[in-house]
């Protein structure tokens, strides 16, 4: 049975963002969108995956650009809860690839340093300060979230919902955020927290065109122009994509307007072993608290995104 959500436009939703900006451009573009939505009360931002401290600098620079220095930022877990093959290890440490638009945060500024705060502790503190009120908006591998659940038994009961970009249930392939750390993803999906997955096949249908990017370049807003420059640095590294694919917008839109995605309940597990299947999300178990996306209104989402980032003050 498919369900089209009818709950819309919650006045304010408290969220914590967990992200891995720097490799694909969608994290930066999605968090920029979230920061401009009045319905979202962003309580903290945490970063994951080596070099998490530099990824945090990207977020700190964005926050300064939009005058939101009040939002705490912390760098988190550098590596997944699994053994990485040498090829992946080398890719992460090749910052020309894994941080292809780090120039967004350059020249480096002391104000953008993430400091000594630990992302896992920040997640725990933020959730426990307002139990039952802070939704986790996850747009990267789930290592930080899994470690927070392990570090603080009982934390899951204080998290009202997780909205994540990750997983895939209709295509025979693994999605990056889950596949990068399938051990962490399975730990999170098994925790009993109400969870909605923005799946690969659905979220990839929202794409920015060359005309959209041209609007960024000619905008009066310096943040839009900086975003265009970041896109120009990123796209040669992922030139097989038609343009910025806004996978990561899902958790933020879902937090305040559920009319734009169609979801269905689905019990999902993560394959954590197997040379060919590790990281795949498959039907199984009895997890009635999980939902997955099955469709979206791409035209309305595109209009919402562009209107938000370019027209709202």
C-alpha atoms as a PDB file:
ATOM      1  CA  UNK A   1       0.000   0.000   0.000  1.00  0.00           C
ATOM      2  CA  UNK A   2       1.322   3.419  -0.924  1.00  0.00           C
ATOM      3  CA  UNK A   3       0.549   6.488   1.137  1.00  0.00           C
ATOM      4  CA  UNK A   4       0.658  10.085   0.023  1.00  0.00           C
ATOM      5  CA  UNK A   5       1.372  12.165   3.121  1.00  0.00           C
ATOM      6  CA  UNK A   6      -1.210  14.802   3.953  1.00  0.00           C
ATOM      7  CA  UNK A   7       0.541  16.483   6.878  1.00  0.00           C
ATOM      8  CA  UNK A   8       1.942  19.780   5.581  1.00  0.00           C
ATOM      9  CA  UNK A   9       3.876  22.821   6.652  1.00  0.00           C
ATOM     10  CA  UNK A  10       4.613  22.239  10.314  1.00  0.00           C
ATOM     11  CA  UNK A  11       5.195  25.765  11.735  1.00  0.00           C
ATOM     12  CA  UNK A  12       8.680  25.001  13.105  1.00  0.00           C
ATOM     13  CA  UNK A  13      10.611  21.742  13.174  1.00  0.00           C
ATOM     14  CA  UNK A  14      13.784  21.431  15.251  1.00  0.00           C
ATOM     15  CA  UNK A  15      16.449  19.516  13.369  1.00  0.00           C
ATOM     16  CA  UNK A  16      20.067  18.463  13.707  1.00  0.00           C
ATOM     17  CA  UNK A  17      21.925  18.113  10.404  1.00  0.00           C
ATOM     18  CA  UNK A  18      24.549  15.383   9.951  1.00  0.00           C
ATOM     19  CA  UNK A  19      26.409  15.821   6.669  1.00  0.00           C
ATOM     20  CA  UNK A  20      29.566  15.036   4.653  1.00  0.00           C
ATOM     21  CA  UNK A  21      30.059  18.080   2.387  1.00  0.00           C
ATOM     22  CA  UNK A  22      32.984  18.423   0.024  1.00  0.00           C
ATOM     23  CA  UNK A  23      32.804  15.526  -2.434  1.00  0.00           C
ATOM     24  CA  UNK A  24      29.359  15.868  -3.980  1.00  0.00           C
ATOM     25  CA  UNK A  25      27.860  19.337  -4.233  1.00  0.00           C
ATOM     26  CA  UNK A  26      24.396  18.384  -3.002  1.00  0.00           C
ATOM     27  CA  UNK A  27      25.249  18.641   0.719  1.00  0.00           C
ATOM     28  CA  UNK A  28      26.268  22.286   0.376  1.00  0.00           C
ATOM     29  CA  UNK A  29      23.284  23.177  -1.790  1.00  0.00           C
ATOM     30  CA  UNK A  30      20.835  21.339   0.469  1.00  0.00           C
ATOM     31  CA  UNK A  31      22.070  22.887   3.731  1.00  0.00           C
ATOM     32  CA  UNK A  32      21.975  26.330   2.092  1.00  0.00           C
ATOM     33  CA  UNK A  33      18.319  25.640   1.306  1.00  0.00           C
ATOM     34  CA  UNK A  34      17.616  24.452   4.852  1.00  0.00           C
ATOM     35  CA  UNK A  35      19.154  27.553   6.386  1.00  0.00           C
ATOM     36  CA  UNK A  36      16.767  29.722   4.404  1.00  0.00           C
ATOM     37  CA  UNK A  37      13.574  27.899   5.354  1.00  0.00           C
ATOM     38  CA  UNK A  38      11.759  29.646   8.234  1.00  0.00           C
ATOM     39  CA  UNK A  39      10.021  26.379   9.153  1.00  0.00           C
ATOM     40  CA  UNK A  40      13.335  24.782  10.166  1.00  0.00           C
ATOM     41  CA  UNK A  41      15.005  25.481  13.498  1.00  0.00           C
ATOM     42  CA  UNK A  42      18.524  24.126  12.997  1.00  0.00           C
ATOM     43  CA  UNK A  43      19.926  23.238  16.405  1.00  0.00           C
ATOM     44  CA  UNK A  44      23.341  21.921  15.300  1.00  0.00           C
ATOM     45  CA  UNK A  45      25.360  20.661  12.338  1.00  0.00           C
ATOM     46  CA  UNK A  46      27.764  17.726  12.541  1.00  0.00           C
ATOM     47  CA  UNK A  47      30.129  16.434   9.880  1.00  0.00           C
ATOM     48  CA  UNK A  48      31.272  12.914   9.131  1.00  0.00           C
ATOM     49  CA  UNK A  49      33.960  11.178   7.028  1.00  0.00           C
ATOM     50  CA  UNK A  50      37.632  12.085   6.673  1.00  0.00           C
ATOM     51  CA  UNK A  51      38.613  14.891   6.765  1.00  0.00           C
ATOM     52  CA  UNK A  52      35.614  15.729   8.963  1.00  0.00           C
ATOM     53  CA  UNK A  53      37.300  18.877  10.285  1.00  0.00           C
ATOM     54  CA  UNK A  54      37.632  20.358   6.805  1.00  0.00           C
ATOM     55  CA  UNK A  55      34.074  19.361   5.997  1.00  0.00           C
ATOM     56  CA  UNK A  56      33.074  21.270   9.132  1.00  0.00           C
ATOM     57  CA  UNK A  57      34.905  24.324   7.804  1.00  0.00           C
ATOM     58  CA  UNK A  58      32.695  24.271   4.707  1.00  0.00           C
ATOM     59  CA  UNK A  59      29.618  24.347   6.936  1.00  0.00           C
ATOM     60  CA  UNK A  60      31.058  27.063   9.176  1.00  0.00           C
ATOM     61  CA  UNK A  61      31.806  29.228   6.133  1.00  0.00           C
ATOM     62  CA  UNK A  62      28.272  28.753   4.836  1.00  0.00           C
ATOM     63  CA  UNK A  63      26.862  29.705   8.240  1.00  0.00           C
ATOM     64  CA  UNK A  64      28.936  32.875   8.269  1.00  0.00           C
ATOM     65  CA  UNK A  65      27.786  33.727   4.743  1.00  0.00           C
ATOM     66  CA  UNK A  66      24.145  33.558   5.836  1.00  0.00           C
ATOM     67  CA  UNK A  67      24.748  35.175   9.245  1.00  0.00           C
ATOM     68  CA  UNK A  68      23.920  32.043  11.249  1.00  0.00           C
ATOM     69  CA  UNK A  69      26.980  31.773  13.432  1.00  0.00           C
ATOM     70  CA  UNK A  70      24.673  30.817  16.309  1.00  0.00           C
ATOM     71  CA  UNK A  71      24.422  27.247  14.988  1.00  0.00           C
ATOM     72  CA  UNK A  72      27.026  24.983  16.660  1.00  0.00           C
ATOM     73  CA  UNK A  73      29.171  22.835  14.360  1.00  0.00           C
ATOM     74  CA  UNK A  74      31.316  19.842  15.288  1.00  0.00           C
ATOM     75  CA  UNK A  75      33.481  17.443  13.302  1.00  0.00           C
ATOM     76  CA  UNK A  76      32.848  13.759  13.846  1.00  0.00           C
ATOM     77  CA  UNK A  77      33.927  10.278  12.886  1.00  0.00           C
ATOM     78  CA  UNK A  78      36.560  10.146  10.154  1.00  0.00           C
ATOM     79  CA  UNK A  79      36.232   6.495   9.152  1.00  0.00           C
ATOM     80  CA  UNK A  80      33.403   3.958   8.924  1.00  0.00           C
ATOM     81  CA  UNK A  81      32.713   1.103  11.326  1.00  0.00           C
ATOM     82  CA  UNK A  82      34.187  -1.396   8.868  1.00  0.00           C
ATOM     83  CA  UNK A  83      37.540  -2.128   7.300  1.00  0.00           C
ATOM     84  CA  UNK A  84      38.172   0.032   4.232  1.00  0.00           C
ATOM     85  CA  UNK A  85      40.049  -1.366   1.228  1.00  0.00           C
ATOM     86  CA  UNK A  86      43.164   0.533   0.206  1.00  0.00           C
ATOM     87  CA  UNK A  87      41.434   1.997  -2.849  1.00  0.00           C
ATOM     88  CA  UNK A  88      38.842   3.754  -0.691  1.00  0.00           C
ATOM     89  CA  UNK A  89      41.462   4.812   1.814  1.00  0.00           C
ATOM     90  CA  UNK A  90      43.464   6.410  -0.978  1.00  0.00           C
ATOM     91  CA  UNK A  91      40.410   8.163  -2.434  1.00  0.00           C
ATOM     92  CA  UNK A  92      39.477   9.744   0.912  1.00  0.00           C
ATOM     93  CA  UNK A  93      42.998  11.031   1.389  1.00  0.00           C
ATOM     94  CA  UNK A  94      43.105  12.457  -2.147  1.00  0.00           C
ATOM     95  CA  UNK A  95      41.477  15.767  -1.289  1.00  0.00           C
ATOM     96  CA  UNK A  96      41.366  16.848  -4.921  1.00  0.00           C
ATOM     97  CA  UNK A  97      38.663  14.185  -5.234  1.00  0.00           C
ATOM     98  CA  UNK A  98      37.084  13.886  -1.797  1.00  0.00           C
ATOM     99  CA  UNK A  99      37.066  17.675  -1.210  1.00  0.00           C
ATOM    100  CA  UNK A 100      36.786  18.896  -4.777  1.00  0.00           C
ATOM    101  CA  UNK A 101      35.023  22.170  -3.862  1.00  0.00           C
ATOM    102  CA  UNK A 102      36.837  22.925  -0.620  1.00  0.00           C
ATOM    103  CA  UNK A 103      37.749  26.276  -2.151  1.00  0.00           C
ATOM    104  CA  UNK A 104      34.302  27.371  -0.919  1.00  0.00           C
ATOM    105  CA  UNK A 105      35.962  27.552   2.522  1.00  0.00           C
ATOM    106  CA  UNK A 106      39.186  29.176   1.320  1.00  0.00           C
ATOM    107  CA  UNK A 107      41.174  31.125   2.162  1.00  0.00           C
ATOM    108  CA  UNK A 108      40.899  29.420   5.513  1.00  0.00           C
ATOM    109  CA  UNK A 109      39.769  31.665   8.356  1.00  0.00           C
ATOM    110  CA  UNK A 110      40.187  31.018  12.098  1.00  0.00           C
ATOM    111  CA  UNK A 111      36.494  31.781  12.527  1.00  0.00           C
ATOM    112  CA  UNK A 112      35.682  28.634  10.541  1.00  0.00           C
ATOM    113  CA  UNK A 113      37.693  26.251  12.707  1.00  0.00           C
ATOM    114  CA  UNK A 114      35.385  23.589  14.182  1.00  0.00           C
ATOM    115  CA  UNK A 115      37.228  23.643  17.511  1.00  0.00           C
ATOM    116  CA  UNK A 116      37.505  20.694  19.875  1.00  0.00           C
ATOM    117  CA  UNK A 117      33.808  19.818  20.091  1.00  0.00           C
ATOM    118  CA  UNK A 118      33.054  16.191  19.279  1.00  0.00           C
ATOM    119  CA  UNK A 119      30.188  15.577  16.859  1.00  0.00           C
ATOM    120  CA  UNK A 120      28.957  12.454  18.636  1.00  0.00           C
ATOM    121  CA  UNK A 121      28.802  14.306  21.941  1.00  0.00           C
ATOM    122  CA  UNK A 122      27.085  17.266  20.251  1.00  0.00           C
ATOM    123  CA  UNK A 123      24.411  14.925  18.886  1.00  0.00           C
ATOM    124  CA  UNK A 124      23.857  13.450  22.334  1.00  0.00           C
ATOM    125  CA  UNK A 125      23.747  16.858  24.055  1.00  0.00           C
ATOM    126  CA  UNK A 126      21.367  18.317  21.479  1.00  0.00           C
ATOM    127  CA  UNK A 127      18.928  15.416  21.675  1.00  0.00           C
ATOM    128  CA  UNK A 128      19.028  15.198  25.466  1.00  0.00           C
ATOM    129  CA  UNK A 129      18.563  18.953  25.904  1.00  0.00           C
ATOM    130  CA  UNK A 130      15.156  18.680  24.194  1.00  0.00           C
ATOM    131  CA  UNK A 131      14.111  15.019  24.328  1.00  0.00           C
ATOM    132  CA  UNK A 132      11.521  14.055  21.768  1.00  0.00           C
ATOM    133  CA  UNK A 133      11.822  17.337  19.875  1.00  0.00           C
ATOM    134  CA  UNK A 134      14.900  17.228  17.607  1.00  0.00           C
ATOM    135  CA  UNK A 135      14.619  15.356  14.304  1.00  0.00           C
ATOM    136  CA  UNK A 136      17.879  14.051  12.853  1.00  0.00           C
ATOM    137  CA  UNK A 137      18.306  15.106   9.212  1.00  0.00           C
ATOM    138  CA  UNK A 138      21.024  12.802   7.884  1.00  0.00           C
ATOM    139  CA  UNK A 139      22.605  13.396   4.484  1.00  0.00           C
ATOM    140  CA  UNK A 140      25.837  11.435   4.843  1.00  0.00           C
ATOM    141  CA  UNK A 141      27.021   8.069   6.116  1.00  0.00           C
ATOM    142  CA  UNK A 142      25.417   7.249   9.470  1.00  0.00           C
ATOM    143  CA  UNK A 143      28.634   6.718  11.448  1.00  0.00           C
ATOM    144  CA  UNK A 144      28.111   9.654  13.836  1.00  0.00           C
ATOM    145  CA  UNK A 145      24.521   8.633  14.553  1.00  0.00           C
ATOM    146  CA  UNK A 146      25.443   4.991  15.182  1.00  0.00           C
ATOM    147  CA  UNK A 147      28.240   6.015  17.524  1.00  0.00           C
ATOM    148  CA  UNK A 148      25.896   8.322  19.446  1.00  0.00           C
ATOM    149  CA  UNK A 149      23.421   5.458  19.899  1.00  0.00           C
ATOM    150  CA  UNK A 150      26.210   3.185  21.103  1.00  0.00           C
ATOM    151  CA  UNK A 151      27.752   5.777  23.392  1.00  0.00           C
ATOM    152  CA  UNK A 152      24.474   6.685  25.098  1.00  0.00           C
ATOM    153  CA  UNK A 153      22.093   3.767  25.704  1.00  0.00           C
ATOM    154  CA  UNK A 154      18.517   5.029  25.704  1.00  0.00           C
ATOM    155  CA  UNK A 155      19.208   7.883  23.293  1.00  0.00           C
ATOM    156  CA  UNK A 156      16.994   6.314  20.616  1.00  0.00           C
ATOM    157  CA  UNK A 157      13.933   6.821  22.800  1.00  0.00           C
ATOM    158  CA  UNK A 158      14.567  10.587  22.798  1.00  0.00           C
ATOM    159  CA  UNK A 159      14.791  10.952  18.999  1.00  0.00           C
ATOM    160  CA  UNK A 160      11.325  11.530  17.485  1.00  0.00           C
ATOM    161  CA  UNK A 161      12.348  10.803  13.888  1.00  0.00           C
ATOM    162  CA  UNK A 162      15.234  10.326  11.512  1.00  0.00           C
ATOM    163  CA  UNK A 163      14.859  11.616   7.963  1.00  0.00           C
ATOM    164  CA  UNK A 164      17.741  10.430   5.842  1.00  0.00           C
ATOM    165  CA  UNK A 165      18.938  10.548   2.289  1.00  0.00           C
ATOM    166  CA  UNK A 166      20.127   7.029   1.752  1.00  0.00           C
ATOM    167  CA  UNK A 167      19.352   3.533   0.674  1.00  0.00           C
ATOM    168  CA  UNK A 168      17.678   2.071  -2.378  1.00  0.00           C
ATOM    169  CA  UNK A 169      14.872  -0.464  -2.501  1.00  0.00           C
ATOM    170  CA  UNK A 170      13.794  -0.669  -6.150  1.00  0.00           C
ATOM    171  CA  UNK A 171      17.112  -0.711  -8.017  1.00  0.00           C
ATOM    172  CA  UNK A 172      19.576  -3.557  -7.688  1.00  0.00           C
ATOM    173  CA  UNK A 173      22.374  -1.389  -6.339  1.00  0.00           C
ATOM    174  CA  UNK A 174      23.785   0.031  -3.138  1.00  0.00           C
ATOM    175  CA  UNK A 175      23.465   3.739  -2.398  1.00  0.00           C
ATOM    176  CA  UNK A 176      26.635   5.567  -1.254  1.00  0.00           C
ATOM    177  CA  UNK A 177      25.617   6.885   2.174  1.00  0.00           C
ATOM    178  CA  UNK A 178      24.538   3.440   3.325  1.00  0.00           C
ATOM    179  CA  UNK A 179      27.230   1.498   1.465  1.00  0.00           C
ATOM    180  CA  UNK A 180      30.066   3.625   2.843  1.00  0.00           C
ATOM    181  CA  UNK A 181      29.207   2.434   6.352  1.00  0.00           C
ATOM    182  CA  UNK A 182      26.698  -0.424   6.222  1.00  0.00           C
ATOM    183  CA  UNK A 183      27.500  -1.441   9.808  1.00  0.00           C
ATOM    184  CA  UNK A 184      26.464   1.988  11.079  1.00  0.00           C
ATOM    185  CA  UNK A 185      23.415   2.105   8.810  1.00  0.00           C
ATOM    186  CA  UNK A 186      22.126  -1.260  10.038  1.00  0.00           C
ATOM    187  CA  UNK A 187      22.670  -0.215  13.658  1.00  0.00           C
ATOM    188  CA  UNK A 188      20.598   2.934  13.072  1.00  0.00           C
ATOM    189  CA  UNK A 189      17.825   1.182  11.129  1.00  0.00           C
ATOM    190  CA  UNK A 190      17.574  -1.458  13.847  1.00  0.00           C
ATOM    191  CA  UNK A 191      17.257   1.096  16.674  1.00  0.00           C
ATOM    192  CA  UNK A 192      13.459   1.387  16.507  1.00  0.00           C
ATOM    193  CA  UNK A 193      13.460   5.125  15.755  1.00  0.00           C
ATOM    194  CA  UNK A 194      10.730   6.250  13.301  1.00  0.00           C
ATOM    195  CA  UNK A 195      12.740   6.635  10.096  1.00  0.00           C
ATOM    196  CA  UNK A 196      12.012   7.790   6.560  1.00  0.00           C
ATOM    197  CA  UNK A 197      14.471   7.003   3.780  1.00  0.00           C
ATOM    198  CA  UNK A 198      14.808   9.288   0.786  1.00  0.00           C
ATOM    199  CA  UNK A 199      15.928   6.614  -1.635  1.00  0.00           C
ATOM    200  CA  UNK A 200      18.388   7.010  -4.492  1.00  0.00           C
ATOM    201  CA  UNK A 201      15.995   6.344  -7.359  1.00  0.00           C
ATOM    202  CA  UNK A 202      13.518   8.943  -6.100  1.00  0.00           C
ATOM    203  CA  UNK A 203      15.792  11.712  -4.831  1.00  0.00           C
ATOM    204  CA  UNK A 204      17.950  11.671  -7.966  1.00  0.00           C
ATOM    205  CA  UNK A 205      15.023  13.032 -10.005  1.00  0.00           C
ATOM    206  CA  UNK A 206      15.589  16.588  -8.726  1.00  0.00           C
ATOM    207  CA  UNK A 207      18.327  18.176 -10.847  1.00  0.00           C
ATOM    208  CA  UNK A 208      19.552  21.732 -11.354  1.00  0.00           C
ATOM    209  CA  UNK A 209      19.989  22.799 -14.973  1.00  0.00           C
ATOM    210  CA  UNK A 210      22.623  24.961 -16.628  1.00  0.00           C
ATOM    211  CA  UNK A 211      20.039  27.745 -16.617  1.00  0.00           C
ATOM    212  CA  UNK A 212      19.597  27.405 -12.851  1.00  0.00           C
ATOM    213  CA  UNK A 213      23.337  27.674 -12.286  1.00  0.00           C
ATOM    214  CA  UNK A 214      23.485  30.685 -14.588  1.00  0.00           C
ATOM    215  CA  UNK A 215      20.922  32.342 -12.305  1.00  0.00           C
ATOM    216  CA  UNK A 216      23.252  31.687  -9.361  1.00  0.00           C
ATOM    217  CA  UNK A 217      26.156  33.305 -11.221  1.00  0.00           C
ATOM    218  CA  UNK A 218      24.177  36.453 -12.013  1.00  0.00           C
ATOM    219  CA  UNK A 219      22.451  36.766  -8.624  1.00  0.00           C
ATOM    220  CA  UNK A 220      22.982  39.754  -6.373  1.00  0.00           C
ATOM    221  CA  UNK A 221      23.404  37.356  -3.437  1.00  0.00           C
ATOM    222  CA  UNK A 222      27.136  36.603  -2.936  1.00  0.00           C
ATOM    223  CA  UNK A 223      26.254  33.191  -1.482  1.00  0.00           C
ATOM    224  CA  UNK A 224      24.575  32.225  -4.761  1.00  0.00           C
ATOM    225  CA  UNK A 225      27.652  33.304  -6.691  1.00  0.00           C
ATOM    226  CA  UNK A 226      29.901  31.338  -4.324  1.00  0.00           C
ATOM    227  CA  UNK A 227      27.656  28.303  -4.820  1.00  0.00           C
ATOM    228  CA  UNK A 228      28.044  28.638  -8.595  1.00  0.00           C
ATOM    229  CA  UNK A 229      31.826  28.715  -8.209  1.00  0.00           C
ATOM    230  CA  UNK A 230      31.683  25.592  -6.044  1.00  0.00           C
ATOM    231  CA  UNK A 231      29.557  23.852  -8.686  1.00  0.00           C
ATOM    232  CA  UNK A 232      32.132  24.778 -11.335  1.00  0.00           C
ATOM    233  CA  UNK A 233      34.859  23.130  -9.245  1.00  0.00           C
ATOM    234  CA  UNK A 234      32.777  20.046  -8.501  1.00  0.00           C
ATOM    235  CA  UNK A 235      31.267  19.174 -11.877  1.00  0.00           C
ATOM    236  CA  UNK A 236      34.499  18.234 -13.721  1.00  0.00           C
ATOM    237  CA  UNK A 237      35.085  15.635 -10.981  1.00  0.00           C
ATOM    238  CA  UNK A 238      31.614  14.127 -11.444  1.00  0.00           C
ATOM    239  CA  UNK A 239      31.002  14.996 -15.062  1.00  0.00           C
ATOM    240  CA  UNK A 240      28.851  11.898 -15.636  1.00  0.00           C
ATOM    241  CA  UNK A 241      26.058  13.713 -13.790  1.00  0.00           C
ATOM    242  CA  UNK A 242      23.826  16.070 -15.787  1.00  0.00           C
ATOM    243  CA  UNK A 243      24.329  18.756 -13.157  1.00  0.00           C
ATOM    244  CA  UNK A 244      23.847  19.088  -9.401  1.00  0.00           C
ATOM    245  CA  UNK A 245      21.468  16.334  -8.322  1.00  0.00           C
ATOM    246  CA  UNK A 246      19.697  17.451  -5.159  1.00  0.00           C
ATOM    247  CA  UNK A 247      19.392  14.103  -3.414  1.00  0.00           C
ATOM    248  CA  UNK A 248      20.042  15.733  -0.041  1.00  0.00           C
ATOM    249  CA  UNK A 249      17.152  18.174  -0.119  1.00  0.00           C
ATOM    250  CA  UNK A 250      14.817  15.353   0.889  1.00  0.00           C
ATOM    251  CA  UNK A 251      15.185  15.393   4.715  1.00  0.00           C
ATOM    252  CA  UNK A 252      14.710  19.156   4.873  1.00  0.00           C
ATOM    253  CA  UNK A 253      11.617  19.327   2.694  1.00  0.00           C
ATOM    254  CA  UNK A 254      10.199  16.275   4.483  1.00  0.00           C
ATOM    255  CA  UNK A 255      10.555  18.113   7.801  1.00  0.00           C
ATOM    256  CA  UNK A 256       8.064  20.818   6.838  1.00  0.00           C
ATOM    257  CA  UNK A 257       6.072  19.746   3.750  1.00  0.00           C
ATOM    258  CA  UNK A 258       5.187  16.093   3.255  1.00  0.00           C
ATOM    259  CA  UNK A 259       2.936  16.660   0.286  1.00  0.00           C
ATOM    260  CA  UNK A 260       5.845  16.594  -2.176  1.00  0.00           C
ATOM    261  CA  UNK A 261       6.952  12.994  -1.611  1.00  0.00           C
ATOM    262  CA  UNK A 262       5.036   9.733  -1.760  1.00  0.00           C
ATOM    263  CA  UNK A 263       6.156   7.113   0.750  1.00  0.00           C
ATOM    264  CA  UNK A 264       5.216   3.602   1.734  1.00  0.00           C
ATOM    265  CA  UNK A 265       5.939   1.590   4.878  1.00  0.00           C
ATOM    266  CA  UNK A 266       8.643  -0.984   4.302  1.00  0.00           C
ATOM    267  CA  UNK A 267      10.702  -3.097   6.664  1.00  0.00           C
ATOM    268  CA  UNK A 268      14.298  -2.580   5.546  1.00  0.00           C
ATOM    269  CA  UNK A 269      17.564  -4.180   6.565  1.00  0.00           C
ATOM    270  CA  UNK A 270      21.118  -3.397   5.479  1.00  0.00           C
ATOM    271  CA  UNK A 271      23.373  -6.127   4.128  1.00  0.00           C
ATOM    272  CA  UNK A 272      26.627  -5.863   6.072  1.00  0.00           C
ATOM    273  CA  UNK A 273      28.520  -8.746   4.479  1.00  0.00           C
ATOM    274  CA  UNK A 274      29.182 -10.162   1.060  1.00  0.00           C
ATOM    275  CA  UNK A 275      31.593  -8.987  -1.600  1.00  0.00           C
ATOM    276  CA  UNK A 276      28.770  -8.005  -3.960  1.00  0.00           C
ATOM    277  CA  UNK A 277      25.921  -7.127  -1.598  1.00  0.00           C
ATOM    278  CA  UNK A 278      27.395  -5.196   1.336  1.00  0.00           C
ATOM    279  CA  UNK A 279      25.603  -1.885   1.721  1.00  0.00           C
ATOM    280  CA  UNK A 280      22.444  -2.867  -0.116  1.00  0.00           C
ATOM    281  CA  UNK A 281      19.119  -2.124   1.580  1.00  0.00           C
ATOM    282  CA  UNK A 282      16.720  -5.042   1.291  1.00  0.00           C
ATOM    283  CA  UNK A 283      13.234  -6.002   2.436  1.00  0.00           C
ATOM    284  CA  UNK A 284      13.299  -8.031   5.622  1.00  0.00           C
ATOM    285  CA  UNK A 285      12.531  -8.183   9.295  1.00  0.00           C
ATOM    286  CA  UNK A 286       9.571  -6.586  11.039  1.00  0.00           C
ATOM    287  CA  UNK A 287      10.499  -2.918  11.204  1.00  0.00           C
ATOM    288  CA  UNK A 288       7.123  -1.245  10.948  1.00  0.00           C
ATOM    289  CA  UNK A 289       8.632   2.143  11.880  1.00  0.00           C
ATOM    290  CA  UNK A 290      10.452   2.566   8.537  1.00  0.00           C
ATOM    291  CA  UNK A 291       9.085   4.263   5.416  1.00  0.00           C
ATOM    292  CA  UNK A 292      10.710   4.709   2.020  1.00  0.00           C
ATOM    293  CA  UNK A 293      10.096   7.175  -0.780  1.00  0.00           C
ATOM    294  CA  UNK A 294       8.455   5.889  -3.945  1.00  0.00           C
ATOM    295  CA  UNK A 295       7.824   9.126  -5.869  1.00  0.00           C
ATOM    296  CA  UNK A 296       8.198  12.890  -5.757  1.00  0.00           C
ATOM    297  CA  UNK A 297       6.763  16.003  -7.389  1.00  0.00           C
ATOM    298  CA  UNK A 298       9.949  17.077  -9.139  1.00  0.00           C
ATOM    299  CA  UNK A 299       8.479  20.190 -10.751  1.00  0.00           C
ATOM    300  CA  UNK A 300       7.127  21.556  -7.469  1.00  0.00           C
ATOM    301  CA  UNK A 301      10.325  20.688  -5.614  1.00  0.00           C
ATOM    302  CA  UNK A 302      12.457  22.443  -8.209  1.00  0.00           C
ATOM    303  CA  UNK A 303      10.330  25.579  -7.975  1.00  0.00           C
ATOM    304  CA  UNK A 304      10.464  25.465  -4.170  1.00  0.00           C
ATOM    305  CA  UNK A 305      14.232  25.097  -4.158  1.00  0.00           C
ATOM    306  CA  UNK A 306      14.952  27.927  -6.575  1.00  0.00           C
ATOM    307  CA  UNK A 307      12.429  30.243  -4.969  1.00  0.00           C
ATOM    308  CA  UNK A 308      13.956  29.583  -1.558  1.00  0.00           C
ATOM    309  CA  UNK A 309      17.611  30.082  -2.347  1.00  0.00           C
ATOM    310  CA  UNK A 310      17.260  32.984  -4.787  1.00  0.00           C
ATOM    311  CA  UNK A 311      14.169  34.937  -3.802  1.00  0.00           C
ATOM    312  CA  UNK A 312      13.862  34.742  -0.020  1.00  0.00           C
ATOM    313  CA  UNK A 313      15.729  37.394   1.917  1.00  0.00           C
END
